[in-house]
Amino acid sequence: MRFAFKTAPQNTTWSDMLAVWREADDIEIFESGWNFDHFYPIVGDSAGPCLEGWMTLAGLAQATKRLRLGTLVTGIHYRHPAVLAAAVVAQPDPKWGETPCAFVEIKPGADVSETDLIEHCRTHLARFKAPKKVVFGELPKTSTGKIQKFVLRERARSTAAIE
């Protein structure tokens, strides 16, 4: 049996996060540690401090001796040059129960296809993490610019809205 732990780099400081990971590094039962790669806190104050996932992992890799590291949610969609904003939600699937569905806002003047984005994700992610469907359009946002994922979840549940 293998054990891992998960931390959330939100509403915390680098020194507190580092202390937790260093202590876990000394506990033999833990094989790996995980965090997420959200760009803002998803619990509590959404304007609170949030350590960027990939930079945090790079620092933790240097600060720990043996732990394997990873993220639970990635920003790989943002790394495609045509993508301005993206959000991924679960979409009902008859075979798997749920599969990832990406809602993507592309940059003005950019041109990218659903196939291109899915292949881009498959190149950088485990195959099961890549979206099975990409829906292009403006993302619904609050007045403060936060993406309204509940709206996207409703759209993903509606087959007519996606196709």
Protein backbone atom coordinates (compact mmCIF):
# COMPACT_ATOMS: atom_id res chain seq x y z
CA MET A 1 0.00 0.00 0.00
CA ARG A 2 1.26 3.48 -0.90
CA PHE A 3 0.36 6.73 0.85
CA ALA A 4 0.36 10.34 -0.27
CA PHE A 5 -0.78 13.62 1.23
CA LYS A 6 -2.43 16.67 -0.30
CA THR A 7 -1.96 20.33 0.57
CA ALA A 8 -3.80 23.36 -0.71
CA PRO A 9 -1.56 26.35 -1.44
CA GLN A 10 -4.33 28.79 -0.60
CA ASN A 11 -4.61 31.19 2.32
CA THR A 12 -1.16 30.14 3.55
CA THR A 13 2.44 31.27 3.31
CA TRP A 14 5.46 29.70 1.63
CA SER A 15 7.16 29.12 5.01
CA ASP A 16 4.10 27.29 6.40
CA MET A 17 3.77 25.17 3.26
CA LEU A 18 7.49 24.34 3.31
CA ALA A 19 7.33 23.30 6.98
CA VAL A 20 4.49 20.84 6.27
CA TRP A 21 6.27 19.29 3.28
CA ARG A 22 9.61 18.98 5.10
CA GLU A 23 7.93 17.25 8.01
CA ALA A 24 6.10 14.89 5.65
CA ASP A 25 9.42 14.19 3.89
CA ASP A 26 10.70 12.76 7.20
CA ILE A 27 7.67 10.48 7.62
CA GLU A 28 8.51 7.26 5.77
CA ILE A 29 4.93 6.20 5.08
CA PHE A 30 4.40 9.13 2.68
CA GLU A 31 5.62 8.38 -0.84
CA SER A 32 4.34 11.52 -2.53
CA GLY A 33 2.65 14.85 -2.01
CA TRP A 34 0.12 16.75 -4.12
CA ASN A 35 -1.22 20.26 -4.40
CA PHE A 36 -3.46 22.04 -6.87
CA ASP A 37 -2.80 24.63 -9.54
CA HIS A 38 -5.67 27.07 -9.12
CA PHE A 39 -4.88 30.73 -9.69
CA TYR A 40 -6.99 31.89 -6.74
CA PRO A 41 -8.24 30.32 -3.49
CA ILE A 42 -11.25 28.07 -4.01
CA VAL A 43 -12.21 28.00 -0.30
CA GLY A 44 -12.69 31.07 1.84
CA ASP A 45 -11.68 34.50 0.63
CA SER A 46 -11.15 34.28 -3.15
CA ALA A 47 -8.92 37.35 -2.96
CA GLY A 48 -6.68 35.73 -0.33
CA PRO A 49 -3.10 34.61 -0.91
CA CYS A 50 -2.58 31.61 -3.20
CA LEU A 51 0.79 30.11 -4.13
CA GLU A 52 1.03 29.24 -7.85
CA GLY A 53 1.08 25.44 -8.18
CA TRP A 54 4.01 24.85 -10.54
CA MET A 55 6.35 27.35 -8.86
CA THR A 56 5.45 25.85 -5.50
CA LEU A 57 6.26 22.35 -6.77
CA ALA A 58 9.60 23.51 -8.16
CA GLY A 59 10.53 24.98 -4.77
CA LEU A 60 9.31 21.91 -2.88
CA ALA A 61 11.28 19.59 -5.17
CA GLN A 62 14.46 21.41 -4.16
CA ALA A 63 13.52 21.53 -0.48
CA THR A 64 12.60 17.84 -0.01
CA LYS A 65 14.81 14.77 -0.27
CA ARG A 66 12.65 11.87 -1.44
CA LEU A 67 9.01 12.81 -2.04
CA ARG A 68 7.42 12.51 -5.48
CA LEU A 69 5.41 15.64 -6.30
CA GLY A 70 2.43 16.48 -8.49
CA THR A 71 -0.59 18.68 -9.05
CA LEU A 72 -4.20 17.58 -8.96
CA VAL A 73 -5.43 20.32 -11.28
CA THR A 74 -3.27 21.77 -14.01
CA GLY A 75 -3.22 24.95 -16.04
CA ILE A 76 -2.03 23.16 -19.19
CA HIS A 77 -4.80 24.74 -21.28
CA TYR A 78 -3.33 28.18 -20.56
CA ARG A 79 -0.02 27.07 -22.04
CA HIS A 80 -1.49 26.84 -25.53
CA PRO A 81 -0.72 30.12 -27.35
CA ALA A 82 -4.30 30.56 -28.61
CA VAL A 83 -6.00 30.23 -25.20
CA LEU A 84 -7.03 33.32 -23.27
CA ALA A 85 -8.99 31.57 -20.49
CA ALA A 86 -10.18 28.05 -19.75
CA ALA A 87 -12.15 26.08 -17.18
CA VAL A 88 -12.70 22.34 -16.97
CA VAL A 89 -15.73 20.65 -15.44
CA ALA A 90 -17.06 17.11 -15.31
CA GLN A 91 -19.35 16.03 -18.14
CA PRO A 92 -21.62 12.96 -17.88
CA ASP A 93 -20.25 9.97 -19.80
CA PRO A 94 -22.13 6.70 -20.36
CA LYS A 95 -18.97 4.57 -20.10
CA TRP A 96 -16.83 6.32 -17.45
CA GLY A 97 -19.49 8.14 -15.44
CA GLU A 98 -17.79 11.51 -15.95
CA THR A 99 -15.11 12.88 -18.27
CA PRO A 100 -13.39 16.29 -18.47
CA CYS A 101 -15.06 18.97 -20.58
CA ALA A 102 -13.06 22.16 -21.27
CA PHE A 103 -14.71 25.51 -21.84
CA VAL A 104 -12.21 27.71 -23.64
CA GLU A 105 -12.06 31.40 -24.52
CA ILE A 106 -9.51 31.98 -27.27
CA LYS A 107 -7.43 35.11 -27.80
CA PRO A 108 -8.73 37.65 -30.32
CA GLY A 109 -7.51 36.75 -33.80
CA ALA A 110 -6.33 33.28 -32.71
CA ASP A 111 -7.47 30.13 -34.45
CA VAL A 112 -7.46 26.69 -32.83
CA SER A 113 -9.60 23.60 -33.23
CA GLU A 114 -11.04 21.26 -30.63
CA THR A 115 -8.76 18.50 -31.92
CA ASP A 116 -5.67 20.74 -31.61
CA LEU A 117 -6.43 21.57 -27.97
CA ILE A 118 -7.21 17.98 -27.01
CA GLU A 119 -3.96 16.81 -28.59
CA HIS A 120 -2.06 19.62 -26.84
CA CYS A 121 -3.47 18.41 -23.50
CA ARG A 122 -2.73 14.75 -24.26
CA THR A 123 0.87 15.67 -25.01
CA HIS A 124 1.30 17.19 -21.54
CA LEU A 125 -1.15 15.24 -19.36
CA ALA A 126 -2.15 11.68 -18.60
CA ARG A 127 -4.68 10.66 -21.24
CA PHE A 128 -7.58 10.38 -18.77
CA LYS A 129 -7.00 13.99 -17.62
CA ALA A 130 -7.27 15.47 -21.12
CA PRO A 131 -10.70 16.87 -22.01
CA LYS A 132 -12.92 14.71 -24.19
CA LYS A 133 -14.85 17.76 -25.37
CA VAL A 134 -13.91 21.43 -25.86
CA VAL A 135 -16.57 24.14 -26.00
CA PHE A 136 -15.44 27.51 -27.38
CA GLY A 137 -16.94 30.82 -26.32
CA GLU A 138 -16.86 33.55 -23.72
CA LEU A 139 -16.68 32.16 -20.19
CA PRO A 140 -19.36 33.32 -17.72
CA LYS A 141 -17.73 35.48 -15.03
CA THR A 142 -18.75 37.36 -11.92
CA SER A 143 -18.29 41.12 -11.68
CA THR A 144 -14.87 40.47 -10.11
CA GLY A 145 -13.78 38.25 -13.02
CA LYS A 146 -14.12 34.85 -11.33
CA ILE A 147 -15.29 32.11 -13.70
CA GLN A 148 -18.76 30.84 -12.78
CA LYS A 149 -18.10 27.11 -12.87
CA PHE A 150 -21.62 26.29 -11.68
CA VAL A 151 -22.92 27.73 -14.98
CA LEU A 152 -20.42 25.61 -16.92
CA ARG A 153 -21.41 22.48 -14.97
CA GLU A 154 -25.06 23.09 -15.97
CA ARG A 155 -24.00 23.49 -19.62
CA ALA A 156 -21.90 20.32 -19.48
CA ARG A 157 -24.86 18.33 -18.16
CA SER A 158 -26.98 19.51 -21.08
CA THR A 159 -26.02 17.56 -24.18
CA ALA A 160 -27.90 20.06 -26.38
CA ALA A 161 -25.76 22.93 -25.08
CA ILE A 162 -22.52 21.17 -25.97
CA GLU A 163 -23.42 19.76 -29.36
